Amino acid sequence: TSGQETVKLAIRALLEVVESGGKNIEVAVMTKEHGLRQLEEAEID
């Protein structure tokens, strides 16, 4: 996958074991151009 589809797959995998949705998840995305970026809670939701 690429871009947003990769983010979605990682969050779907975490939701298999994490309850309460995005509130209990921390996600960071790394790209070659922009390095590491922590997603805000609103983006995860």
All heavy atoms as atom14 arrays in JSON, in Angstrom:
{
  "sequence": "TSGQETVKLAIRALLEVVESGGKNIEVAVMTKEHGLRQLEEAEID",
  "atom14_mask": [
    [1, 1, 1, 1, 1, 1, 1, 0, 0, 0, 0, 0, 0, 0],
    [1, 1, 1, 1, 1, 1, 0, 0, 0, 0, 0, 0, 0, 0],
    [1, 1, 1, 1, 0, 0, 0, 0, 0, 0, 0, 0, 0, 0],
    [1, 1, 1, 1, 1, 1, 1, 1, 1, 0, 0, 0, 0, 0],
    [1, 1, 1, 1, 1, 1, 1, 1, 1, 0, 0, 0, 0, 0],
    [1, 1, 1, 1, 1, 1, 1, 0, 0, 0, 0, 0, 0, 0],
    [1, 1, 1, 1, 1, 1, 1, 0, 0, 0, 0, 0, 0, 0],
    [1, 1, 1, 1, 1, 1, 1, 1, 1, 0, 0, 0, 0, 0],
    [1, 1, 1, 1, 1, 1, 1, 1, 0, 0, 0, 0, 0, 0],
    [1, 1, 1, 1, 1, 0, 0, 0, 0, 0, 0, 0, 0, 0],
    [1, 1, 1, 1, 1, 1, 1, 1, 0, 0, 0, 0, 0, 0],
    [1, 1, 1, 1, 1, 1, 1, 1, 1, 1, 1, 0, 0, 0],
    [1, 1, 1, 1, 1, 0, 0, 0, 0, 0, 0, 0, 0, 0],
    [1, 1, 1, 1, 1, 1, 1, 1, 0, 0, 0, 0, 0, 0],
    [1, 1, 1, 1, 1, 1, 1, 1, 0, 0, 0, 0, 0, 0],
    [1, 1, 1, 1, 1, 1, 1, 1, 1, 0, 0, 0, 0, 0],
    [1, 1, 1, 1, 1, 1, 1, 0, 0, 0, 0, 0, 0, 0],
    [1, 1, 1, 1, 1, 1, 1, 0, 0, 0, 0, 0, 0, 0],
    [1, 1, 1, 1, 1, 1, 1, 1, 1, 0, 0, 0, 0, 0],
    [1, 1, 1, 1, 1, 1, 0, 0, 0, 0, 0, 0, 0, 0],
    [1, 1, 1, 1, 0, 0, 0, 0, 0, 0, 0, 0, 0, 0],
    [1, 1, 1, 1, 0, 0, 0, 0, 0, 0, 0, 0, 0, 0],
    [1, 1, 1, 1, 1, 1, 1, 1, 1, 0, 0, 0, 0, 0],
    [1, 1, 1, 1, 1, 1, 1, 1, 0, 0, 0, 0, 0, 0],
    [1, 1, 1, 1, 1, 1, 1, 1, 0, 0, 0, 0, 0, 0],
    [1, 1, 1, 1, 1, 1, 1, 1, 1, 0, 0, 0, 0, 0],
    [1, 1, 1, 1, 1, 1, 1, 0, 0, 0, 0, 0, 0, 0],
    [1, 1, 1, 1, 1, 0, 0, 0, 0, 0, 0, 0, 0, 0],
    [1, 1, 1, 1, 1, 1, 1, 0, 0, 0, 0, 0, 0, 0],
    [1, 1, 1, 1, 1, 1, 1, 1, 0, 0, 0, 0, 0, 0],
    [1, 1, 1, 1, 1, 1, 1, 0, 0, 0, 0, 0, 0, 0],
    [1, 1, 1, 1, 1, 1, 1, 1, 1, 0, 0, 0, 0, 0],
    [1, 1, 1, 1, 1, 1, 1, 1, 1, 0, 0, 0, 0, 0],
    [1, 1, 1, 1, 1, 1, 1, 1, 1, 1, 0, 0, 0, 0],
    [1, 1, 1, 1, 0, 0, 0, 0, 0, 0, 0, 0, 0, 0],
    [1, 1, 1, 1, 1, 1, 1, 1, 0, 0, 0, 0, 0, 0],
    [1, 1, 1, 1, 1, 1, 1, 1, 1, 1, 1, 0, 0, 0],
    [1, 1, 1, 1, 1, 1, 1, 1, 1, 0, 0, 0, 0, 0],
    [1, 1, 1, 1, 1, 1, 1, 1, 0, 0, 0, 0, 0, 0],
    [1, 1, 1, 1, 1, 1, 1, 1, 1, 0, 0, 0, 0, 0],
    [1, 1, 1, 1, 1, 1, 1, 1, 1, 0, 0, 0, 0, 0],
    [1, 1, 1, 1, 1, 0, 0, 0, 0, 0, 0, 0, 0, 0],
    [1, 1, 1, 1, 1, 1, 1, 1, 1, 0, 0, 0, 0, 0],
    [1, 1, 1, 1, 1, 1, 1, 1, 0, 0, 0, 0, 0, 0],
    [1, 1, 1, 1, 1, 1, 1, 1, 0, 0, 0, 0, 0, 0]
  ],
  "atom14_positions": [
    [[0.85, -1.19, 0.0], [0.0, 0.0, 0.0], [0.88, 1.24, 0.0], [2.1, 1.16, 0.15], [-0.9, 0.04, 1.25], [-0.07, -0.08, 2.41], [-1.93, -1.07, 1.23], [0.0, 0.0, 0.0], [0.0, 0.0, 0.0], [0.0, 0.0, 0.0], [0.0, 0.0, 0.0], [0.0, 0.0, 0.0], [0.0, 0.0, 0.0], [0.0, 0.0, 0.0]],
    [[0.24, 2.39, -0.16], [0.98, 3.65, -0.09], [0.09, 4.7, 0.58], [-1.13, 4.57, 0.63], [1.38, 4.12, -1.49], [0.23, 4.34, -2.28], [0.0, 0.0, 0.0], [0.0, 0.0, 0.0], [0.0, 0.0, 0.0], [0.0, 0.0, 0.0], [0.0, 0.0, 0.0], [0.0, 0.0, 0.0], [0.0, 0.0, 0.0], [0.0, 0.0, 0.0]],
    [[0.73, 5.74, 1.11], [0.0, 6.88, 1.66], [-1.02, 6.5, 2.72], [-0.75, 5.74, 3.64], [0.0, 0.0, 0.0], [0.0, 0.0, 0.0], [0.0, 0.0, 0.0], [0.0, 0.0, 0.0], [0.0, 0.0, 0.0], [0.0, 0.0, 0.0], [0.0, 0.0, 0.0], [0.0, 0.0, 0.0], [0.0, 0.0, 0.0], [0.0, 0.0, 0.0]],
    [[-2.22, 7.02, 2.55], [-3.28, 6.88, 3.56], [-3.72, 5.44, 3.75], [-4.16, 5.06, 4.84], [-4.48, 7.76, 3.15], [-5.53, 7.95, 4.23], [-5.04, 8.72, 5.44], [-3.98, 9.33, 5.39], [-5.78, 8.68, 6.53], [0.0, 0.0, 0.0], [0.0, 0.0, 0.0], [0.0, 0.0, 0.0], [0.0, 0.0, 0.0], [0.0, 0.0, 0.0]],
    [[-3.61, 4.61, 2.7], [-4.01, 3.2, 2.83], [-3.13, 2.47, 3.84], [-3.6, 1.58, 4.55], [-3.93, 2.51, 1.46], [-5.04, 2.91, 0.5], [-6.43, 2.62, 1.06], [-6.66, 1.49, 1.53], [-7.29, 3.53, 1.04], [0.0, 0.0, 0.0], [0.0, 0.0, 0.0], [0.0, 0.0, 0.0], [0.0, 0.0, 0.0], [0.0, 0.0, 0.0]],
    [[-1.84, 2.83, 3.91], [-0.93, 2.22, 4.88], [-1.33, 2.61, 6.29], [-1.34, 1.78, 7.21], [0.53, 2.67, 4.61], [0.81, 2.53, 3.22], [1.52, 1.83, 5.41], [0.0, 0.0, 0.0], [0.0, 0.0, 0.0], [0.0, 0.0, 0.0], [0.0, 0.0, 0.0], [0.0, 0.0, 0.0], [0.0, 0.0, 0.0], [0.0, 0.0, 0.0]],
    [[-1.69, 3.88, 6.48], [-2.15, 4.37, 7.8], [-3.41, 3.6, 8.22], [-3.54, 3.15, 9.36], [-2.44, 5.89, 7.74], [-2.97, 6.38, 9.09], [-1.2, 6.67, 7.34], [0.0, 0.0, 0.0], [0.0, 0.0, 0.0], [0.0, 0.0, 0.0], [0.0, 0.0, 0.0], [0.0, 0.0, 0.0], [0.0, 0.0, 0.0], [0.0, 0.0, 0.0]],
    [[-4.31, 3.44, 7.27], [-5.58, 2.77, 7.57], [-5.37, 1.31, 7.98], [-6.0, 0.82, 8.91], [-6.49, 2.84, 6.33], [-7.96, 2.6, 6.65], [-8.82, 2.54, 5.4], [-9.0, 3.91, 4.8], [-9.96, 3.85, 3.65], [0.0, 0.0, 0.0], [0.0, 0.0, 0.0], [0.0, 0.0, 0.0], [0.0, 0.0, 0.0], [0.0, 0.0, 0.0]],
    [[-4.43, 0.63, 7.28], [-4.15, -0.77, 7.61], [-3.58, -0.9, 9.02], [-3.98, -1.78, 9.78], [-3.18, -1.37, 6.59], [-2.74, -2.81, 6.83], [-3.94, -3.76, 6.81], [-1.71, -3.26, 5.8], [0.0, 0.0, 0.0], [0.0, 0.0, 0.0], [0.0, 0.0, 0.0], [0.0, 0.0, 0.0], [0.0, 0.0, 0.0], [0.0, 0.0, 0.0]],
    [[-2.66, 0.0, 9.39], [-2.07, -0.05, 10.74], [-3.12, 0.19, 11.82], [-3.15, -0.5, 12.84], [-0.95, 0.99, 10.85], [0.0, 0.0, 0.0], [0.0, 0.0, 0.0], [0.0, 0.0, 0.0], [0.0, 0.0, 0.0], [0.0, 0.0, 0.0], [0.0, 0.0, 0.0], [0.0, 0.0, 0.0], [0.0, 0.0, 0.0], [0.0, 0.0, 0.0]],
    [[-4.01, 1.15, 11.59], [-5.05, 1.46, 12.59], [-6.06, 0.31, 12.67], [-6.5, -0.06, 13.76], [-5.73, 2.81, 12.26], [-4.72, 3.95, 12.47], [-6.96, 3.03, 13.14], [-5.24, 5.32, 12.1], [0.0, 0.0, 0.0], [0.0, 0.0, 0.0], [0.0, 0.0, 0.0], [0.0, 0.0, 0.0], [0.0, 0.0, 0.0], [0.0, 0.0, 0.0]],
    [[-6.41, -0.26, 11.51], [-7.33, -1.41, 11.51], [-6.74, -2.56, 12.32], [-7.45, -3.24, 13.07], [-7.59, -1.88, 10.08], [-8.65, -1.07, 9.35], [-8.77, -1.54, 7.9], [-9.26, -2.9, 7.8], [-9.02, -3.72, 6.76], [-8.3, -3.28, 5.74], [-9.49, -4.92, 6.75], [0.0, 0.0, 0.0], [0.0, 0.0, 0.0], [0.0, 0.0, 0.0]],
    [[-5.42, -2.79, 12.18], [-4.76, -3.87, 12.92], [-4.82, -3.61, 14.43], [-5.13, -4.51, 15.22], [-3.31, -4.0, 12.46], [0.0, 0.0, 0.0], [0.0, 0.0, 0.0], [0.0, 0.0, 0.0], [0.0, 0.0, 0.0], [0.0, 0.0, 0.0], [0.0, 0.0, 0.0], [0.0, 0.0, 0.0], [0.0, 0.0, 0.0], [0.0, 0.0, 0.0]],
    [[-4.57, -2.36, 14.83], [-4.61, -2.02, 16.26], [-6.02, -2.14, 16.83], [-6.21, -2.54, 17.98], [-4.08, -0.61, 16.49], [-2.59, -0.46, 16.79], [-2.24, 1.01, 16.95], [-2.18, -1.23, 18.03], [0.0, 0.0, 0.0], [0.0, 0.0, 0.0], [0.0, 0.0, 0.0], [0.0, 0.0, 0.0], [0.0, 0.0, 0.0], [0.0, 0.0, 0.0]],
    [[-7.02, -1.78, 16.03], [-8.41, -1.84, 16.5], [-8.88, -3.26, 16.78], [-9.9, -3.47, 17.42], [-9.34, -1.16, 15.49], [-9.25, 0.37, 15.4], [-10.13, 0.9, 14.29], [-9.61, 1.02, 16.73], [0.0, 0.0, 0.0], [0.0, 0.0, 0.0], [0.0, 0.0, 0.0], [0.0, 0.0, 0.0], [0.0, 0.0, 0.0], [0.0, 0.0, 0.0]],
    [[-8.11, -4.25, 16.28], [-8.44, -5.65, 16.58], [-8.32, -5.94, 18.08], [-8.98, -6.83, 18.6], [-7.48, -6.59, 15.81], [-7.7, -6.62, 14.31], [-9.01, -7.28, 13.93], [-9.2, -8.46, 14.27], [-9.85, -6.6, 13.31], [0.0, 0.0, 0.0], [0.0, 0.0, 0.0], [0.0, 0.0, 0.0], [0.0, 0.0, 0.0], [0.0, 0.0, 0.0]],
    [[-7.42, -5.2, 18.77], [-7.19, -5.5, 20.19], [-7.43, -4.29, 21.1], [-7.47, -4.44, 22.32], [-5.75, -6.02, 20.42], [-5.52, -7.31, 19.68], [-4.7, -4.99, 20.03], [0.0, 0.0, 0.0], [0.0, 0.0, 0.0], [0.0, 0.0, 0.0], [0.0, 0.0, 0.0], [0.0, 0.0, 0.0], [0.0, 0.0, 0.0], [0.0, 0.0, 0.0]],
    [[-7.56, -3.11, 20.53], [-7.72, -1.9, 21.35], [-9.19, -1.49, 21.36], [-9.81, -1.38, 20.31], [-6.86, -0.74, 20.8], [-7.1, 0.53, 21.6], [-5.39, -1.12, 20.85], [0.0, 0.0, 0.0], [0.0, 0.0, 0.0], [0.0, 0.0, 0.0], [0.0, 0.0, 0.0], [0.0, 0.0, 0.0], [0.0, 0.0, 0.0], [0.0, 0.0, 0.0]],
    [[-9.7, -1.25, 22.56], [-11.09, -0.79, 22.68], [-11.12, 0.74, 22.72], [-10.1, 1.38, 22.85], [-11.71, -1.38, 23.95], [-11.81, -2.9, 23.91], [-12.25, -3.48, 25.23], [-12.53, -2.69, 26.15], [-12.31, -4.71, 25.34], [0.0, 0.0, 0.0], [0.0, 0.0, 0.0], [0.0, 0.0, 0.0], [0.0, 0.0, 0.0], [0.0, 0.0, 0.0]],
    [[-12.27, 1.31, 22.59], [-12.51, 2.76, 22.65], [-11.97, 3.53, 21.46], [-11.78, 4.74, 21.53], [-11.92, 3.39, 23.92], [-12.05, 2.57, 25.01], [0.0, 0.0, 0.0], [0.0, 0.0, 0.0], [0.0, 0.0, 0.0], [0.0, 0.0, 0.0], [0.0, 0.0, 0.0], [0.0, 0.0, 0.0], [0.0, 0.0, 0.0], [0.0, 0.0, 0.0]],
    [[-11.67, 2.84, 20.37], [-11.3, 3.54, 19.13], [-10.05, 4.38, 19.24], [-9.1, 4.04, 19.93], [0.0, 0.0, 0.0], [0.0, 0.0, 0.0], [0.0, 0.0, 0.0], [0.0, 0.0, 0.0], [0.0, 0.0, 0.0], [0.0, 0.0, 0.0], [0.0, 0.0, 0.0], [0.0, 0.0, 0.0], [0.0, 0.0, 0.0], [0.0, 0.0, 0.0]],
    [[-10.05, 5.54, 18.55], [-8.86, 6.37, 18.41], [-8.36, 6.99, 19.69], [-7.22, 7.45, 19.75], [0.0, 0.0, 0.0], [0.0, 0.0, 0.0], [0.0, 0.0, 0.0], [0.0, 0.0, 0.0], [0.0, 0.0, 0.0], [0.0, 0.0, 0.0], [0.0, 0.0, 0.0], [0.0, 0.0, 0.0], [0.0, 0.0, 0.0], [0.0, 0.0, 0.0]],
    [[-9.2, 7.02, 20.72], [-8.81, 7.65, 21.98], [-7.61, 6.96, 22.62], [-6.8, 7.58, 23.29], [-10.01, 7.63, 22.93], [-9.84, 8.45, 24.19], [-11.14, 8.55, 24.95], [-11.6, 7.18, 25.44], [-12.8, 7.24, 26.29], [0.0, 0.0, 0.0], [0.0, 0.0, 0.0], [0.0, 0.0, 0.0], [0.0, 0.0, 0.0], [0.0, 0.0, 0.0]],
    [[-7.49, 5.64, 22.41], [-6.42, 4.87, 23.04], [-5.35, 4.43, 22.05], [-4.69, 3.41, 22.25], [-7.0, 3.63, 23.74], [-7.8, 4.0, 24.97], [-7.64, 5.09, 25.51], [-8.67, 3.12, 25.4], [0.0, 0.0, 0.0], [0.0, 0.0, 0.0], [0.0, 0.0, 0.0], [0.0, 0.0, 0.0], [0.0, 0.0, 0.0], [0.0, 0.0, 0.0]],
    [[-5.18, 5.19, 20.98], [-4.19, 4.85, 19.96], [-3.27, 6.04, 19.71], [-3.74, 7.18, 19.65], [-4.9, 4.44, 18.64], [-5.63, 3.11, 18.8], [-3.9, 4.33, 17.5], [-6.44, 2.72, 17.59], [0.0, 0.0, 0.0], [0.0, 0.0, 0.0], [0.0, 0.0, 0.0], [0.0, 0.0, 0.0], [0.0, 0.0, 0.0], [0.0, 0.0, 0.0]],
    [[-1.98, 5.74, 19.58], [-1.01, 6.76, 19.17], [-0.42, 6.31, 17.84], [0.02, 5.16, 17.72], [0.09, 6.88, 20.23], [1.12, 7.95, 19.97], [2.2, 7.98, 21.05], [1.9, 7.65, 22.21], [3.35, 8.3, 20.71], [0.0, 0.0, 0.0], [0.0, 0.0, 0.0], [0.0, 0.0, 0.0], [0.0, 0.0, 0.0], [0.0, 0.0, 0.0]],
    [[-0.44, 7.17, 16.84], [0.01, 6.8, 15.49], [0.99, 7.85, 14.97], [0.77, 9.05, 15.15], [-1.18, 6.67, 14.52], [-0.69, 6.3, 13.11], [-2.17, 5.63, 15.0], [0.0, 0.0, 0.0], [0.0, 0.0, 0.0], [0.0, 0.0, 0.0], [0.0, 0.0, 0.0], [0.0, 0.0, 0.0], [0.0, 0.0, 0.0], [0.0, 0.0, 0.0]],
    [[2.06, 7.37, 14.34], [3.02, 8.28, 13.71], [3.3, 7.77, 12.29], [3.37, 6.56, 12.05], [4.31, 8.34, 14.51], [0.0, 0.0, 0.0], [0.0, 0.0, 0.0], [0.0, 0.0, 0.0], [0.0, 0.0, 0.0], [0.0, 0.0, 0.0], [0.0, 0.0, 0.0], [0.0, 0.0, 0.0], [0.0, 0.0, 0.0], [0.0, 0.0, 0.0]],
    [[3.43, 8.7, 11.37], [3.65, 8.38, 9.96], [5.01, 8.94, 9.54], [5.32, 10.1, 9.83], [2.54, 9.0, 9.08], [2.77, 8.67, 7.61], [1.17, 8.5, 9.52], [0.0, 0.0, 0.0], [0.0, 0.0, 0.0], [0.0, 0.0, 0.0], [0.0, 0.0, 0.0], [0.0, 0.0, 0.0], [0.0, 0.0, 0.0], [0.0, 0.0, 0.0]],
    [[5.81, 8.11, 8.87], [7.1, 8.57, 8.38], [7.13, 8.53, 6.86], [6.75, 7.51, 6.25], [8.23, 7.72, 8.94], [9.6, 8.13, 8.42], [10.97, 7.27, 9.23], [11.31, 8.4, 10.56], [0.0, 0.0, 0.0], [0.0, 0.0, 0.0], [0.0, 0.0, 0.0], [0.0, 0.0, 0.0], [0.0, 0.0, 0.0], [0.0, 0.0, 0.0]],
    [[7.53, 9.63, 6.25], [7.75, 9.69, 4.8], [9.16, 10.19, 4.55], [9.79, 10.79, 5.42], [6.75, 10.64, 4.11], [6.89, 11.95, 4.7], [5.32, 10.16, 4.28], [0.0, 0.0, 0.0], [0.0, 0.0, 0.0], [0.0, 0.0, 0.0], [0.0, 0.0, 0.0], [0.0, 0.0, 0.0], [0.0, 0.0, 0.0], [0.0, 0.0, 0.0]],
    [[9.66, 9.94, 3.35], [11.02, 10.36, 3.02], [11.16, 11.88, 3.06], [12.15, 12.43, 3.52], [11.38, 9.82, 1.61], [12.75, 10.22, 1.1], [13.86, 9.6, 1.94], [15.23, 10.05, 1.47], [16.29, 9.71, 2.43], [0.0, 0.0, 0.0], [0.0, 0.0, 0.0], [0.0, 0.0, 0.0], [0.0, 0.0, 0.0], [0.0, 0.0, 0.0]],
    [[10.12, 12.58, 2.57], [10.2, 14.04, 2.44], [10.04, 14.74, 3.79], [10.73, 15.71, 4.08], [9.1, 14.56, 1.49], [9.24, 14.07, 0.05], [8.74, 12.65, -0.14], [7.95, 12.17, 0.71], [9.2, 12.0, -1.1], [0.0, 0.0, 0.0], [0.0, 0.0, 0.0], [0.0, 0.0, 0.0], [0.0, 0.0, 0.0], [0.0, 0.0, 0.0]],
    [[9.11, 14.25, 4.64], [8.75, 15.0, 5.84], [9.18, 14.37, 7.15], [8.92, 14.92, 8.22], [7.22, 15.22, 5.86], [6.7, 15.91, 4.64], [5.96, 15.24, 3.67], [6.85, 17.18, 4.2], [5.65, 16.08, 2.7], [6.18, 17.26, 2.99], [0.0, 0.0, 0.0], [0.0, 0.0, 0.0], [0.0, 0.0, 0.0], [0.0, 0.0, 0.0]],
    [[9.85, 13.22, 7.09], [10.27, 12.55, 8.32], [9.08, 12.03, 9.12], [8.03, 11.71, 8.57], [0.0, 0.0, 0.0], [0.0, 0.0, 0.0], [0.0, 0.0, 0.0], [0.0, 0.0, 0.0], [0.0, 0.0, 0.0], [0.0, 0.0, 0.0], [0.0, 0.0, 0.0], [0.0, 0.0, 0.0], [0.0, 0.0, 0.0], [0.0, 0.0, 0.0]],
    [[9.24, 12.0, 10.45], [8.21, 11.43, 11.33], [7.21, 12.51, 11.73], [7.6, 13.6, 12.14], [8.85, 10.83, 12.57], [7.92, 10.03, 13.48], [7.58, 8.69, 12.85], [8.58, 9.81, 14.85], [0.0, 0.0, 0.0], [0.0, 0.0, 0.0], [0.0, 0.0, 0.0], [0.0, 0.0, 0.0], [0.0, 0.0, 0.0], [0.0, 0.0, 0.0]],
    [[5.92, 12.17, 11.62], [4.87, 13.09, 12.05], [3.85, 12.35, 12.89], [3.31, 11.33, 12.46], [4.18, 13.72, 10.83], [3.13, 14.77, 11.2], [2.54, 15.42, 9.96], [1.57, 14.57, 9.29], [0.27, 14.5, 9.61], [-0.2, 15.24, 10.61], [-0.55, 13.72, 8.94], [0.0, 0.0, 0.0], [0.0, 0.0, 0.0], [0.0, 0.0, 0.0]],
    [[3.63, 12.84, 14.11], [2.62, 12.24, 14.99], [1.24, 12.72, 14.54], [1.05, 13.92, 14.34], [2.86, 12.68, 16.44], [4.23, 12.3, 16.99], [4.23, 10.97, 17.72], [3.18, 10.33, 17.85], [5.38, 10.56, 18.18], [0.0, 0.0, 0.0], [0.0, 0.0, 0.0], [0.0, 0.0, 0.0], [0.0, 0.0, 0.0], [0.0, 0.0, 0.0]],
    [[0.31, 11.79, 14.38], [-1.05, 12.17, 13.99], [-1.8, 12.74, 15.2], [-1.68, 12.24, 16.31], [-1.82, 10.97, 13.44], [-1.33, 10.35, 12.13], [-2.35, 9.35, 11.62], [-1.05, 11.38, 11.06], [0.0, 0.0, 0.0], [0.0, 0.0, 0.0], [0.0, 0.0, 0.0], [0.0, 0.0, 0.0], [0.0, 0.0, 0.0], [0.0, 0.0, 0.0]],
    [[-2.57, 13.78, 14.95], [-3.42, 14.35, 16.0], [-4.59, 13.41, 16.27], [-4.97, 12.6, 15.42], [-3.95, 15.73, 15.56], [-2.87, 16.77, 15.31], [-2.14, 17.19, 16.58], [-2.76, 17.11, 17.67], [-0.96, 17.55, 16.48], [0.0, 0.0, 0.0], [0.0, 0.0, 0.0], [0.0, 0.0, 0.0], [0.0, 0.0, 0.0], [0.0, 0.0, 0.0]],
    [[-5.17, 13.56, 17.45], [-6.29, 12.68, 17.82], [-7.47, 12.82, 16.86], [-8.13, 11.84, 16.53], [-6.74, 13.01, 19.25], [-7.56, 11.9, 19.88], [-7.83, 12.13, 21.36], [-6.87, 12.38, 22.1], [-9.01, 12.06, 21.74], [0.0, 0.0, 0.0], [0.0, 0.0, 0.0], [0.0, 0.0, 0.0], [0.0, 0.0, 0.0], [0.0, 0.0, 0.0]],
    [[-7.7, 14.04, 16.37], [-8.81, 14.26, 15.43], [-8.57, 13.5, 14.12], [-9.51, 12.95, 13.52], [-8.97, 15.75, 15.15], [0.0, 0.0, 0.0], [0.0, 0.0, 0.0], [0.0, 0.0, 0.0], [0.0, 0.0, 0.0], [0.0, 0.0, 0.0], [0.0, 0.0, 0.0], [0.0, 0.0, 0.0], [0.0, 0.0, 0.0], [0.0, 0.0, 0.0]],
    [[-7.3, 13.46, 13.65], [-6.97, 12.74, 12.42], [-7.19, 11.24, 12.6], [-7.71, 10.57, 11.7], [-5.51, 13.01, 12.03], [-5.21, 14.43, 11.62], [-3.73, 14.62, 11.31], [-2.96, 14.91, 12.24], [-3.34, 14.46, 10.14], [0.0, 0.0, 0.0], [0.0, 0.0, 0.0], [0.0, 0.0, 0.0], [0.0, 0.0, 0.0], [0.0, 0.0, 0.0]],
    [[-6.78, 10.71, 13.77], [-6.97, 9.28, 14.04], [-8.46, 8.96, 14.11], [-8.92, 7.96, 13.54], [-6.26, 8.88, 15.36], [-4.76, 9.1, 15.25], [-6.56, 7.42, 15.71], [-4.0, 8.96, 16.55], [0.0, 0.0, 0.0], [0.0, 0.0, 0.0], [0.0, 0.0, 0.0], [0.0, 0.0, 0.0], [0.0, 0.0, 0.0], [0.0, 0.0, 0.0]],
    [[-9.23, 9.82, 14.8], [-10.69, 9.61, 14.9], [-11.35, 9.58, 13.53], [-12.28, 8.8, 13.29], [-11.32, 10.71, 15.76], [-11.02, 10.53, 17.25], [-10.7, 9.39, 17.63], [-11.08, 11.52, 18.0], [0.0, 0.0, 0.0], [0.0, 0.0, 0.0], [0.0, 0.0, 0.0], [0.0, 0.0, 0.0], [0.0, 0.0, 0.0], [0.0, 0.0, 0.0]]
  ]
}
